[in-house]
């Protein structure tokens, strides 16, 4: 997709991993609605600083997948993980957008608007 941000589906295919310095542009087609304002505000994807849930490491917890907050850059576990730290963080802080921190995945998710885009 050449760095373009595209609207996708929550369970759609996801390719690539966030890379430092990737600039995000927005492309909309007739069949796809424009990304929400939260997603449009992401100019550069913040990559994970490590491949671990910061909160799970502190408590000795486990995780399934990792997500990186696009506002502050922390990496927490997904909603399939027992502690759901990423969504807890979003609710507690109001930080709306996460990026998958999983190798091979290139997507962003907006919690308030329940919208996914690939980049």
N, C-alpha and C. Protein backbone atom coordinates (compact mmCIF):
# COMPACT_ATOMS: atom_id res chain seq x y z
N UNK A 1 0.80 -1.19 0.00
CA UNK A 1 0.00 0.00 0.00
C UNK A 1 0.84 1.26 0.00
N UNK A 2 2.11 1.13 -0.06
CA UNK A 2 2.98 2.26 -0.26
C UNK A 2 2.85 3.39 0.73
N UNK A 3 2.57 3.10 1.99
CA UNK A 3 2.50 4.13 3.00
C UNK A 3 1.17 4.85 3.08
N UNK A 4 0.21 4.49 2.22
CA UNK A 4 -1.08 5.16 2.28
C UNK A 4 -1.93 4.55 3.38
N UNK A 5 -2.69 5.36 4.06
CA UNK A 5 -3.58 4.93 5.12
C UNK A 5 -4.92 4.60 4.48
N UNK A 6 -5.39 3.42 4.68
CA UNK A 6 -6.65 3.01 4.07
C UNK A 6 -7.59 2.48 5.14
N UNK A 7 -8.87 2.74 4.97
CA UNK A 7 -9.87 2.22 5.88
C UNK A 7 -9.96 0.72 5.69
N UNK A 8 -10.08 -0.02 6.76
CA UNK A 8 -10.17 -1.47 6.68
C UNK A 8 -11.22 -1.99 7.63
N UNK A 9 -11.20 -3.27 7.82
CA UNK A 9 -12.14 -3.91 8.73
C UNK A 9 -11.37 -4.45 9.92
N UNK A 10 -12.02 -4.52 11.07
CA UNK A 10 -11.35 -4.92 12.30
C UNK A 10 -10.67 -6.28 12.17
N UNK A 11 -11.26 -7.17 11.44
CA UNK A 11 -10.69 -8.51 11.33
C UNK A 11 -10.12 -8.77 9.93
N UNK A 12 -9.82 -7.73 9.17
CA UNK A 12 -9.27 -7.88 7.82
C UNK A 12 -7.81 -8.30 7.86
N UNK A 13 -7.25 -8.58 6.70
CA UNK A 13 -5.84 -8.97 6.65
C UNK A 13 -4.97 -7.77 6.95
N UNK A 14 -3.87 -8.00 7.63
CA UNK A 14 -2.96 -6.93 8.03
C UNK A 14 -1.55 -7.36 7.71
N UNK A 15 -0.80 -6.48 7.04
CA UNK A 15 0.55 -6.85 6.62
C UNK A 15 1.55 -5.81 7.05
N UNK A 16 2.79 -6.24 7.29
CA UNK A 16 3.88 -5.32 7.62
C UNK A 16 3.88 -4.94 9.08
N UNK A 17 4.98 -4.44 9.58
CA UNK A 17 5.09 -3.99 10.95
C UNK A 17 5.40 -2.51 10.98
N UNK A 18 4.95 -1.82 12.03
CA UNK A 18 5.29 -0.40 12.10
C UNK A 18 6.80 -0.20 12.06
N UNK A 19 7.24 0.74 11.27
CA UNK A 19 8.65 1.04 11.16
C UNK A 19 8.88 2.47 11.62
N UNK A 20 9.96 2.73 12.31
CA UNK A 20 10.23 4.10 12.73
C UNK A 20 10.25 5.03 11.53
N UNK A 21 9.64 6.18 11.69
CA UNK A 21 9.69 7.19 10.65
C UNK A 21 8.73 7.00 9.50
N UNK A 22 7.80 6.05 9.56
CA UNK A 22 6.84 5.88 8.48
C UNK A 22 5.86 7.04 8.53
N UNK A 23 5.75 7.75 7.43
CA UNK A 23 4.78 8.83 7.33
C UNK A 23 3.48 8.26 6.80
N UNK A 24 2.38 8.73 7.32
CA UNK A 24 1.07 8.22 6.94
C UNK A 24 0.36 9.26 6.09
N UNK A 25 -0.14 8.83 4.94
CA UNK A 25 -0.96 9.70 4.11
C UNK A 25 -2.34 9.07 4.04
N UNK A 26 -3.32 9.84 3.63
CA UNK A 26 -4.70 9.36 3.62
C UNK A 26 -5.22 9.30 2.20
N UNK A 27 -5.72 8.15 1.81
CA UNK A 27 -6.31 7.96 0.50
C UNK A 27 -7.70 7.40 0.69
N UNK A 28 -8.68 7.99 0.07
CA UNK A 28 -10.06 7.54 0.21
C UNK A 28 -10.58 7.21 -1.18
N UNK A 29 -11.28 6.08 -1.29
CA UNK A 29 -11.91 5.72 -2.56
C UNK A 29 -13.41 5.82 -2.38
N UNK A 30 -14.13 5.70 -3.47
CA UNK A 30 -15.59 5.81 -3.41
C UNK A 30 -16.19 4.74 -2.50
N UNK A 31 -15.63 3.55 -2.44
CA UNK A 31 -16.19 2.46 -1.66
C UNK A 31 -15.80 2.54 -0.18
N UNK A 32 -14.88 3.41 0.17
CA UNK A 32 -14.39 3.48 1.54
C UNK A 32 -14.64 4.86 2.13
N UNK A 33 -15.26 4.91 3.31
CA UNK A 33 -15.45 6.22 3.95
C UNK A 33 -14.10 6.77 4.42
N UNK A 34 -14.05 8.07 4.60
CA UNK A 34 -12.82 8.70 5.09
C UNK A 34 -12.53 8.23 6.51
N UNK A 35 -11.25 8.10 6.86
CA UNK A 35 -10.90 7.75 8.24
C UNK A 35 -11.41 8.83 9.19
N UNK A 36 -11.69 8.45 10.43
CA UNK A 36 -12.15 9.41 11.43
C UNK A 36 -11.07 10.46 11.70
N UNK A 37 -11.44 11.52 12.38
CA UNK A 37 -10.51 12.62 12.67
C UNK A 37 -9.32 12.15 13.52
N UNK A 38 -9.55 11.20 14.43
CA UNK A 38 -8.45 10.70 15.26
C UNK A 38 -7.39 10.01 14.40
N UNK A 39 -7.84 9.20 13.45
CA UNK A 39 -6.91 8.50 12.57
C UNK A 39 -6.25 9.46 11.59
N UNK A 40 -6.98 10.45 11.11
CA UNK A 40 -6.41 11.43 10.20
C UNK A 40 -5.33 12.26 10.88
N UNK A 41 -5.41 12.38 12.20
CA UNK A 41 -4.43 13.17 12.95
C UNK A 41 -3.08 12.47 13.07
N UNK A 42 -3.00 11.19 12.74
CA UNK A 42 -1.74 10.45 12.84
C UNK A 42 -0.91 10.74 11.60
N UNK A 43 0.17 11.47 11.79
CA UNK A 43 1.06 11.82 10.67
C UNK A 43 2.23 10.85 10.56
N UNK A 44 2.62 10.27 11.69
CA UNK A 44 3.73 9.32 11.72
C UNK A 44 3.42 8.25 12.76
N UNK A 45 3.55 6.99 12.37
CA UNK A 45 3.24 5.88 13.28
C UNK A 45 4.38 5.69 14.28
N UNK A 46 4.00 5.67 15.57
CA UNK A 46 4.98 5.41 16.63
C UNK A 46 5.18 3.89 16.74
N UNK A 47 6.40 3.41 16.55
CA UNK A 47 6.67 1.97 16.67
C UNK A 47 6.81 1.58 18.14
N UNK A 48 6.69 0.29 18.45
CA UNK A 48 6.89 -0.14 19.84
C UNK A 48 8.35 0.03 20.24
N UNK A 49 8.57 0.38 21.50
CA UNK A 49 9.94 0.51 22.02
C UNK A 49 10.50 -0.86 22.35
N UNK A 50 9.61 -1.81 22.68
CA UNK A 50 10.01 -3.19 22.96
C UNK A 50 8.84 -4.11 22.61
N UNK A 51 9.12 -5.37 22.51
CA UNK A 51 8.08 -6.36 22.21
C UNK A 51 7.57 -6.98 23.51
N UNK A 52 7.05 -6.13 24.39
CA UNK A 52 6.51 -6.59 25.67
C UNK A 52 5.45 -5.61 26.14
N UNK A 53 4.45 -6.11 26.85
CA UNK A 53 3.45 -5.26 27.49
C UNK A 53 4.08 -4.70 28.75
N UNK A 54 4.22 -3.37 28.79
CA UNK A 54 4.89 -2.73 29.93
C UNK A 54 4.19 -3.04 31.26
N UNK A 55 2.86 -3.07 31.27
CA UNK A 55 2.12 -3.34 32.50
C UNK A 55 2.20 -4.81 32.90
N UNK A 56 2.13 -5.72 31.93
CA UNK A 56 2.22 -7.15 32.25
C UNK A 56 3.60 -7.51 32.81
N UNK A 57 4.64 -6.88 32.29
CA UNK A 57 5.99 -7.13 32.78
C UNK A 57 6.06 -6.77 34.27
N UNK A 58 5.45 -5.64 34.64
CA UNK A 58 5.47 -5.19 36.04
C UNK A 58 4.74 -6.15 36.98
N UNK A 59 3.66 -6.78 36.51
CA UNK A 59 2.86 -7.64 37.38
C UNK A 59 3.10 -9.13 37.15
N UNK A 60 3.97 -9.46 36.21
CA UNK A 60 4.22 -10.87 35.89
C UNK A 60 3.11 -11.49 35.07
N UNK A 61 2.36 -10.66 34.33
CA UNK A 61 1.27 -11.15 33.50
C UNK A 61 1.73 -11.64 32.14
N UNK A 62 0.79 -12.15 31.39
CA UNK A 62 1.07 -12.64 30.04
C UNK A 62 0.20 -11.88 29.04
N UNK A 63 0.58 -11.92 27.77
CA UNK A 63 -0.18 -11.23 26.74
C UNK A 63 -0.24 -12.08 25.49
N UNK A 64 -1.22 -11.76 24.64
CA UNK A 64 -1.42 -12.46 23.37
C UNK A 64 -0.81 -11.64 22.23
N UNK A 65 -1.24 -10.38 22.11
CA UNK A 65 -0.75 -9.46 21.08
C UNK A 65 -0.45 -8.12 21.72
N UNK A 66 0.33 -7.31 21.03
CA UNK A 66 0.73 -6.01 21.56
C UNK A 66 0.21 -4.87 20.71
N UNK A 67 -0.08 -3.74 21.38
CA UNK A 67 -0.59 -2.53 20.73
C UNK A 67 0.19 -1.33 21.28
N UNK A 68 0.52 -0.38 20.41
CA UNK A 68 1.26 0.81 20.84
C UNK A 68 0.37 2.04 20.74
N UNK A 69 0.25 2.77 21.84
CA UNK A 69 -0.52 4.00 21.89
C UNK A 69 0.13 5.02 20.98
N UNK A 70 -0.65 5.63 20.11
CA UNK A 70 -0.10 6.59 19.17
C UNK A 70 -0.01 8.00 19.72
N UNK A 71 -0.48 8.19 20.94
CA UNK A 71 -0.32 9.50 21.56
C UNK A 71 0.92 9.55 22.44
N UNK A 72 1.11 8.54 23.28
CA UNK A 72 2.24 8.58 24.22
C UNK A 72 3.32 7.53 23.96
N UNK A 73 3.05 6.56 23.10
CA UNK A 73 4.06 5.59 22.70
C UNK A 73 4.23 4.36 23.58
N UNK A 74 3.41 4.19 24.63
CA UNK A 74 3.53 3.00 25.46
C UNK A 74 2.98 1.79 24.72
N UNK A 75 3.49 0.62 25.04
CA UNK A 75 3.02 -0.61 24.42
C UNK A 75 2.38 -1.49 25.48
N UNK A 76 1.15 -1.88 25.21
CA UNK A 76 0.36 -2.71 26.14
C UNK A 76 -0.28 -3.87 25.39
N UNK A 77 -0.88 -4.78 26.14
CA UNK A 77 -1.50 -5.98 25.58
C UNK A 77 -2.90 -5.70 25.03
N UNK A 78 -3.33 -6.55 24.11
CA UNK A 78 -4.60 -6.41 23.41
C UNK A 78 -5.78 -6.93 24.24
N UNK A 79 -6.98 -6.80 23.68
CA UNK A 79 -8.18 -7.27 24.37
C UNK A 79 -8.33 -8.79 24.40
N UNK A 80 -7.53 -9.52 23.64
CA UNK A 80 -7.52 -10.98 23.73
C UNK A 80 -6.64 -11.45 24.88
N UNK A 81 -5.85 -10.54 25.43
CA UNK A 81 -4.97 -10.85 26.56
C UNK A 81 -5.77 -10.75 27.86
N UNK A 82 -5.35 -11.49 28.90
CA UNK A 82 -6.10 -11.49 30.16
C UNK A 82 -6.31 -10.10 30.78
N UNK A 83 -5.33 -9.22 30.69
CA UNK A 83 -5.43 -7.93 31.39
C UNK A 83 -5.91 -6.77 30.54
N UNK A 84 -5.92 -6.90 29.24
CA UNK A 84 -6.44 -5.87 28.32
C UNK A 84 -5.89 -4.48 28.62
N UNK A 85 -4.59 -4.39 28.80
CA UNK A 85 -3.99 -3.12 29.20
C UNK A 85 -4.12 -2.00 28.17
N UNK A 86 -4.11 -2.31 26.87
CA UNK A 86 -4.20 -1.25 25.85
C UNK A 86 -5.55 -0.53 25.93
N UNK A 87 -6.64 -1.28 26.00
CA UNK A 87 -7.95 -0.62 26.07
C UNK A 87 -8.16 0.05 27.42
N UNK A 88 -7.62 -0.51 28.49
CA UNK A 88 -7.68 0.16 29.80
C UNK A 88 -6.95 1.50 29.76
N UNK A 89 -5.79 1.50 29.11
CA UNK A 89 -5.01 2.73 28.97
C UNK A 89 -5.81 3.78 28.18
N UNK A 90 -6.43 3.36 27.09
CA UNK A 90 -7.21 4.28 26.26
C UNK A 90 -8.37 4.89 27.06
N UNK A 91 -9.05 4.07 27.83
CA UNK A 91 -10.18 4.57 28.64
C UNK A 91 -9.70 5.51 29.74
N UNK A 92 -8.60 5.17 30.38
CA UNK A 92 -8.10 5.98 31.50
C UNK A 92 -7.50 7.31 31.06
N UNK A 93 -6.90 7.34 29.88
CA UNK A 93 -6.18 8.54 29.44
C UNK A 93 -6.91 9.34 28.36
N UNK A 94 -7.84 8.69 27.66
CA UNK A 94 -8.50 9.35 26.53
C UNK A 94 -7.66 9.31 25.26
N UNK A 95 -6.56 8.55 25.27
CA UNK A 95 -5.74 8.39 24.07
C UNK A 95 -6.49 7.47 23.11
N UNK A 96 -6.91 7.97 21.95
CA UNK A 96 -7.84 7.23 21.11
C UNK A 96 -7.28 6.18 20.16
N UNK A 97 -6.02 6.31 19.73
CA UNK A 97 -5.53 5.47 18.63
C UNK A 97 -4.36 4.59 19.06
N UNK A 98 -4.43 3.33 18.64
CA UNK A 98 -3.33 2.38 18.84
C UNK A 98 -2.89 1.87 17.48
N UNK A 99 -1.65 1.37 17.44
CA UNK A 99 -1.14 0.67 16.26
C UNK A 99 -0.81 -0.75 16.70
N UNK A 100 -1.01 -1.70 15.82
CA UNK A 100 -0.55 -3.04 16.14
C UNK A 100 0.96 -2.99 16.29
N UNK A 101 1.46 -3.65 17.32
CA UNK A 101 2.90 -3.75 17.54
C UNK A 101 3.40 -5.13 17.12
N UNK A 102 2.56 -5.86 16.43
CA UNK A 102 2.92 -7.21 16.00
C UNK A 102 3.71 -7.17 14.70
N UNK A 103 4.79 -7.94 14.62
CA UNK A 103 5.54 -8.03 13.36
C UNK A 103 4.61 -8.49 12.24
N UNK A 104 4.72 -7.85 11.11
CA UNK A 104 3.92 -8.23 9.95
C UNK A 104 2.55 -7.56 9.88
N UNK A 105 2.19 -6.74 10.86
CA UNK A 105 0.90 -6.06 10.85
C UNK A 105 1.10 -4.55 10.71
N UNK A 106 0.29 -3.91 9.87
CA UNK A 106 0.38 -2.47 9.62
C UNK A 106 -1.02 -1.87 9.66
N UNK A 107 -1.55 -1.68 10.87
CA UNK A 107 -2.87 -1.09 11.00
C UNK A 107 -2.97 -0.25 12.27
N UNK A 108 -3.91 0.69 12.22
CA UNK A 108 -4.23 1.56 13.34
C UNK A 108 -5.69 1.35 13.71
N UNK A 109 -6.01 1.51 14.99
CA UNK A 109 -7.39 1.36 15.45
C UNK A 109 -7.76 2.56 16.31
N UNK A 110 -8.95 3.11 16.09
CA UNK A 110 -9.47 4.20 16.89
C UNK A 110 -10.54 3.64 17.82
N UNK A 111 -10.31 3.73 19.13
CA UNK A 111 -11.29 3.23 20.10
C UNK A 111 -12.62 3.98 20.05
N UNK A 112 -12.66 5.32 20.13
CA UNK A 112 -13.95 6.00 20.18
C UNK A 112 -14.80 5.79 18.92
N UNK A 113 -14.15 5.71 17.77
CA UNK A 113 -14.89 5.58 16.51
C UNK A 113 -14.97 4.15 15.99
N UNK A 114 -14.33 3.20 16.69
CA UNK A 114 -14.34 1.78 16.32
C UNK A 114 -14.00 1.62 14.83
N UNK A 115 -12.89 2.27 14.43
CA UNK A 115 -12.49 2.26 13.02
C UNK A 115 -11.05 1.79 12.89
N UNK A 116 -10.80 0.99 11.87
CA UNK A 116 -9.47 0.46 11.58
C UNK A 116 -9.03 0.95 10.21
N UNK A 117 -7.77 1.30 10.11
CA UNK A 117 -7.17 1.64 8.82
C UNK A 117 -5.85 0.91 8.70
N UNK A 118 -5.52 0.54 7.49
CA UNK A 118 -4.22 -0.06 7.21
C UNK A 118 -3.31 1.03 6.67
N UNK A 119 -2.03 0.87 6.88
CA UNK A 119 -1.08 1.85 6.33
C UNK A 119 0.06 1.13 5.68
